[in-house]
Protein backbone atom coordinates (compact mmCIF):
# COMPACT_ATOMS: atom_id res chain seq x y z
CA MET A 1 -0.03 -0.06 0.05
CA LYS A 2 2.86 2.26 0.47
CA LYS A 3 3.51 2.22 -3.38
CA PHE A 4 -0.21 2.87 -3.76
CA TRP A 5 0.04 6.26 -1.78
CA LYS A 6 3.19 7.27 -3.52
CA ASP A 7 1.63 6.73 -6.93
CA LEU A 8 -1.56 8.55 -5.84
CA LYS A 9 0.54 11.47 -5.01
CA ARG A 10 2.67 11.25 -8.12
CA TYR A 11 -0.23 10.76 -10.52
CA LYS A 12 -2.71 13.23 -8.70
CA SER A 13 -2.52 15.84 -11.40
CA TYR A 14 -2.94 13.30 -14.22
CA ILE A 15 -6.06 11.86 -12.37
CA ILE A 16 -7.57 15.20 -12.16
CA TYR A 17 -6.84 16.09 -15.77
CA ALA A 18 -8.03 12.81 -17.18
CA THR A 19 -11.11 12.92 -15.21
CA LYS A 20 -12.00 16.42 -16.57
CA ALA A 21 -11.05 15.44 -20.11
CA ASN A 22 -13.38 12.27 -19.99
CA LEU A 23 -16.21 14.17 -18.56
CA LYS A 24 -15.82 16.89 -21.27
CA SER A 25 -15.60 14.31 -24.06
CA GLU A 26 -18.69 12.53 -22.81
CA VAL A 27 -20.99 15.40 -23.18
CA ALA A 28 -19.14 17.16 -26.13
CA GLY A 29 -21.72 15.94 -28.69
CA SER A 30 -24.83 16.52 -26.63
CA TYR A 31 -27.06 19.59 -26.59
CA LEU A 32 -27.97 19.04 -22.96
CA ASN A 33 -24.34 18.36 -21.75
CA TRP A 34 -24.00 17.69 -18.03
CA LEU A 35 -27.85 17.83 -17.60
CA TRP A 36 -27.97 14.19 -18.82
CA TRP A 37 -26.23 13.26 -15.52
CA ILE A 38 -29.32 14.51 -13.86
CA LEU A 39 -31.86 13.37 -16.37
CA ASP A 40 -30.85 9.83 -16.36
CA PRO A 41 -31.73 9.05 -12.80
CA LEU A 42 -34.60 11.61 -12.82
CA LEU A 43 -36.32 9.78 -15.74
CA PHE A 44 -36.00 6.49 -14.05
CA MET A 45 -37.31 7.99 -10.90
CA LEU A 46 -40.48 8.98 -12.83
CA VAL A 47 -40.79 5.52 -14.14
CA TYR A 48 -40.49 3.80 -10.87
CA SER A 49 -42.66 6.31 -9.18
CA PHE A 50 -45.38 5.69 -11.77
CA VAL A 51 -45.24 1.95 -11.50
CA ALA A 52 -45.17 2.06 -7.70
CA LEU A 53 -47.73 4.72 -6.92
CA ILE A 54 -50.09 4.48 -9.91
CA VAL A 55 -49.85 0.78 -10.99
CA PHE A 56 -49.40 -0.83 -7.65
CA GLY A 57 -50.75 1.89 -5.38
CA LYS A 58 -47.74 1.49 -2.96
CA GLY A 59 -44.81 3.70 -2.12
CA GLU A 60 -42.80 5.20 0.72
CA PRO A 61 -42.80 8.57 2.33
CA PHE A 62 -41.20 11.19 -0.12
CA PHE A 63 -41.19 8.49 -2.72
CA PRO A 64 -39.73 10.40 -5.69
CA ILE A 65 -36.67 11.39 -3.62
CA PHE A 66 -36.60 8.03 -2.03
CA VAL A 67 -36.14 6.46 -5.58
CA PHE A 68 -33.81 9.15 -6.78
CA ILE A 69 -31.22 8.61 -3.98
CA GLY A 70 -31.22 4.94 -4.49
CA LEU A 71 -30.70 5.32 -8.19
CA ASN A 72 -27.78 7.77 -7.81
CA ALA A 73 -25.92 5.76 -5.26
CA TRP A 74 -26.39 2.55 -7.44
CA ASN A 75 -25.39 4.19 -10.59
CA PHE A 76 -22.19 5.28 -9.05
CA PHE A 77 -21.41 1.69 -7.97
CA SER A 78 -22.62 -0.24 -10.80
CA LYS A 79 -21.08 2.07 -13.61
CA SER A 80 -17.78 2.02 -11.89
CA VAL A 81 -17.63 -1.78 -11.50
CA ASN A 82 -18.95 -2.36 -15.12
CA LYS A 83 -16.26 0.00 -16.57
CA SER A 84 -13.45 -1.53 -14.38
CA VAL A 85 -14.07 -5.04 -15.88
CA LYS A 86 -13.09 -3.87 -19.43
CA MET A 87 -10.64 -1.27 -18.24
CA ILE A 88 -7.40 -2.81 -19.43
CA ARG A 89 -8.86 -3.78 -22.78
CA SER A 90 -10.23 -0.27 -23.33
CA TYR A 91 -6.85 1.31 -22.42
CA LYS A 92 -4.83 -1.20 -24.29
CA GLY A 93 -3.37 1.38 -26.71
CA THR A 94 -2.31 3.70 -24.00
CA ILE A 95 -0.82 1.32 -21.46
CA SER A 96 1.15 -0.57 -24.17
CA LYS A 97 3.15 2.65 -24.80
CA VAL A 98 3.20 4.48 -21.47
CA TYR A 99 3.42 3.13 -17.94
CA ILE A 100 0.49 3.99 -15.71
CA PRO A 101 -0.28 2.13 -12.46
CA LYS A 102 -3.39 0.38 -13.45
CA TYR A 103 -5.34 1.36 -10.18
CA VAL A 104 -4.96 4.96 -11.34
CA LEU A 105 -7.23 4.13 -14.15
CA ILE A 106 -9.67 2.97 -11.58
CA LEU A 107 -9.43 6.13 -9.60
CA ILE A 108 -10.23 8.11 -12.76
CA VAL A 109 -13.31 6.24 -13.42
CA ILE A 110 -14.45 6.50 -9.71
CA MET A 111 -13.78 10.35 -9.84
CA GLU A 112 -15.93 10.70 -13.04
CA ASN A 113 -18.81 8.73 -11.50
CA LEU A 114 -18.41 10.55 -8.11
CA PHE A 115 -18.68 13.96 -9.87
CA LYS A 116 -21.76 12.80 -11.92
CA MET A 117 -23.37 11.59 -8.61
CA ALA A 118 -22.56 14.84 -6.90
CA VAL A 119 -24.21 16.80 -9.60
CA ALA A 120 -27.31 14.60 -9.47
CA PHE A 121 -27.43 15.06 -5.68
CA LEU A 122 -27.75 18.72 -6.06
CA LEU A 123 -31.27 18.14 -7.34
CA VAL A 124 -31.82 16.18 -4.08
CA LEU A 125 -31.09 19.34 -2.07
CA ILE A 126 -33.65 21.16 -4.28
CA MET A 127 -36.24 18.60 -3.86
CA LEU A 128 -35.99 18.38 0.00
CA PRO A 129 -37.69 21.73 0.67
CA ILE A 130 -40.15 21.25 -2.14
CA TYR A 131 -41.42 18.03 -0.67
CA ARG A 132 -41.11 19.59 2.83
CA VAL A 133 -38.78 17.10 4.11
CA PRO A 134 -37.74 18.00 7.71
CA ILE A 135 -34.02 18.51 7.97
CA SER A 136 -32.00 17.55 11.01
CA TRP A 137 -28.34 17.03 12.08
CA HIS A 138 -28.68 13.44 10.79
CA VAL A 139 -27.63 14.66 7.39
CA VAL A 140 -24.03 14.72 8.42
CA ASN A 141 -24.20 10.86 8.29
CA VAL A 142 -23.94 11.05 4.55
CA ILE A 143 -20.29 11.98 4.79
CA PRO A 144 -19.04 8.70 6.20
CA ILE A 145 -21.68 6.70 4.19
CA PHE A 146 -20.31 8.27 1.09
CA PHE A 147 -16.67 7.69 2.00
CA THR A 148 -17.48 3.96 2.86
CA MET A 149 -19.24 3.57 -0.36
CA VAL A 150 -16.28 5.00 -2.43
CA VAL A 151 -13.83 2.77 -0.54
CA PHE A 152 -16.02 -0.31 -1.19
CA THR A 153 -16.40 0.48 -4.78
CA PHE A 154 -12.72 0.98 -5.39
CA GLY A 155 -11.98 -2.41 -3.78
CA CYS A 156 -14.61 -4.18 -6.01
CA CYS A 157 -13.34 -2.26 -8.98
CA SER A 158 -9.72 -3.33 -8.33
CA LEU A 159 -10.67 -7.04 -8.19
CA MET A 160 -12.85 -6.78 -11.40
CA LEU A 161 -10.03 -5.06 -13.29
CA HIS A 162 -7.64 -7.81 -12.54
CA ALA A 163 -10.17 -10.61 -13.24
CA GLY A 164 -11.44 -8.89 -16.54
CA VAL A 165 -7.99 -9.36 -17.92
CA TYR A 166 -8.07 -13.13 -17.85
CA VAL A 167 -11.81 -13.85 -18.18
CA ALA A 168 -13.13 -12.44 -21.48
CA ASP A 169 -16.78 -13.10 -20.75
CA LEU A 170 -16.65 -11.60 -17.17
CA ALA A 171 -18.41 -8.35 -18.31
CA ASN A 172 -21.52 -10.36 -19.29
CA ILE A 173 -21.42 -12.18 -15.92
CA VAL A 174 -21.02 -9.07 -14.03
CA THR A 175 -23.96 -7.44 -15.70
CA VAL A 176 -26.19 -10.17 -14.69
CA VAL A 177 -24.82 -10.29 -11.07
CA LEU A 178 -25.25 -6.42 -10.73
CA ARG A 179 -28.77 -6.76 -11.96
CA LEU A 180 -29.60 -9.30 -9.32
CA ILE A 181 -28.02 -7.10 -6.68
CA PHE A 182 -29.94 -4.10 -7.98
CA TYR A 183 -33.20 -5.84 -7.12
CA MET A 184 -31.72 -6.94 -3.80
CA SER A 185 -30.72 -3.24 -2.87
CA GLY A 186 -34.04 -1.67 -2.34
CA ILE A 187 -33.82 0.88 -5.12
CA PHE A 188 -37.53 1.31 -5.45
CA TYR A 189 -38.77 -0.37 -2.27
CA SER A 190 -37.89 -0.18 1.41
CA ILE A 191 -36.22 -3.32 2.66
CA THR A 192 -36.99 -2.51 6.36
CA ARG A 193 -40.70 -2.07 5.54
CA ARG A 194 -41.35 -4.47 2.63
CA VAL A 195 -39.08 -7.46 3.56
CA GLY A 196 -40.14 -9.40 6.54
CA GLU A 197 -37.83 -10.33 9.36
CA PRO A 198 -35.48 -11.85 9.72
CA TYR A 199 -34.79 -11.60 5.88
CA GLY A 200 -34.85 -7.73 5.85
CA SER A 201 -32.13 -7.55 8.55
CA TYR A 202 -30.01 -10.21 6.65
CA LEU A 203 -30.32 -8.44 3.40
CA LEU A 204 -29.03 -5.18 4.86
CA ASN A 205 -26.18 -6.70 6.74
CA VAL A 206 -25.03 -8.85 3.89
CA ASN A 207 -25.46 -6.39 0.96
CA PRO A 208 -23.37 -3.35 1.38
CA MET A 209 -25.21 -1.27 -1.22
CA ALA A 210 -28.45 -2.04 0.27
CA PHE A 211 -27.19 -0.82 3.71
CA ILE A 212 -25.62 2.24 2.23
CA ILE A 213 -28.67 3.28 0.21
CA ASN A 214 -30.86 2.73 3.30
CA GLY A 215 -28.50 4.77 5.33
CA LEU A 216 -28.63 7.70 2.89
CA ARG A 217 -32.33 7.66 2.87
CA ASP A 218 -32.59 7.52 6.67
CA SER A 219 -30.17 10.33 7.05
CA LEU A 220 -31.65 12.61 4.46
CA LEU A 221 -35.35 11.96 4.65
CA TYR A 222 -36.31 10.22 7.92
CA ASN A 223 -34.08 11.90 10.56
CA GLN A 224 -32.54 8.57 11.59
CA THR A 225 -29.03 7.87 12.42
CA VAL A 226 -27.01 5.09 10.67
CA ASN A 227 -25.80 1.95 12.26
CA TYR A 228 -22.11 2.89 12.64
CA GLY A 229 -21.15 -0.61 13.68
CA VAL A 230 -22.38 -2.06 10.42
CA LEU A 231 -21.02 0.87 8.51
CA LEU A 232 -17.62 0.38 10.09
CA PHE A 233 -17.70 -3.35 9.18
CA PHE A 234 -18.43 -2.50 5.55
CA PHE A 235 -15.72 0.00 5.56
CA ALA A 236 -13.31 -2.46 6.75
CA ILE A 237 -14.46 -4.80 4.02
CA GLY A 238 -13.85 -2.19 1.57
CA CYS A 239 -10.36 -1.55 2.89
CA ILE A 240 -9.54 -5.25 2.80
CA LEU A 241 -10.82 -5.71 -0.69
CA SER A 242 -8.83 -2.52 -1.78
CA MET A 243 -5.57 -3.81 -0.28
CA ILE A 244 -6.03 -7.11 -1.89
CA GLY A 245 -6.89 -5.59 -5.17
CA VAL A 246 -4.00 -3.12 -5.12
CA TRP A 247 -1.57 -5.83 -4.26
CA ILE A 248 -2.76 -8.17 -6.97
CA ILE A 249 -2.84 -5.42 -9.54
CA ASP A 250 0.72 -4.28 -8.58
CA LYS A 251 1.96 -7.96 -8.89
CA HIS A 252 0.42 -8.83 -12.26
CA GLU A 253 0.02 -5.49 -14.10
CA ASN A 254 3.33 -5.94 -16.23
CA SER A 255 1.72 -9.07 -17.84
CA TYR A 256 -1.73 -7.53 -18.49
CA VAL A 257 -0.80 -6.28 -22.09
CA LYS A 258 0.62 -9.79 -23.09
CA VAL A 259 -2.52 -11.41 -21.98
CA ILE A 260 -4.88 -9.06 -23.91
C-alpha cells in the first residue's frame, strides 16, 4: 500500500486532468451536456414512481426522492464496476506505450462517476424543501456513508479489473450479477418495511449497497442515524478488498498487455 500512496501523490494531477477530459468528451456531442447526468436518474425516478404509486398503489414517504437517492448511489457503484471489468482492454493502446499504475485508471473512473453523482445529488437538495422534508443534524451521516461507498467500490473495481483481463466473458457475468444485486438493494422499495424479518435484516447486513442506500435515505429523509457498527464493518471490508486488489494489480500489471 505504500507504493499506492506514492503513486496517488505522483499521479494526482494526471487523475484530475484525465477525469476532466473524460467528462468533457462524454458530453461534447450533446445539446444538454451535463444535464444528462441528472436526467438519467430523474427519468428512471419518474418511471419507478409511476409503477409503484399508480400501478401498484404503494410507495414510501417522499417516494420520488426516495427512488432518486437509491438510483444515484447505485449508478455510481454499478457504472464504476462495469467499466473496471473492461478497463485494461479499453486502455490497451495507452498502457502498451506508457506506464501508468493500473489502479490509477480505476481512480479516474471513480472520480468521473463521483462527480456525476454529486451533480445529481444537487437536485436532491432542491427537492428536499419542495417536498417539505424535515432537515436535522442526521444529514451529516451522509459523509461517512459516501466515504464507505467509495472505498468499497474501489475495492470491488480493483478486483474486477484484474479478473477482467483473464476472463473475456466476465463483463456479461458481472452485468447479470449487478442486475440481481440491483433488485436486492431496495432501489424502489424499502427493505425494512417491505421485506419481513429476519430476511430484511439479513439483506441489509449482507448487501453493502442495500445498507448504504438505506442509510442515505434514513439520514436525508427520515431523520434517523445510521448503524455505525455495520457501517464500520463494511468500511473495513472495503479496505481489505482495496488492499488485496492493489496488491494483485501491482503484482500482475506487467503481464496484462501480453494477456490481452
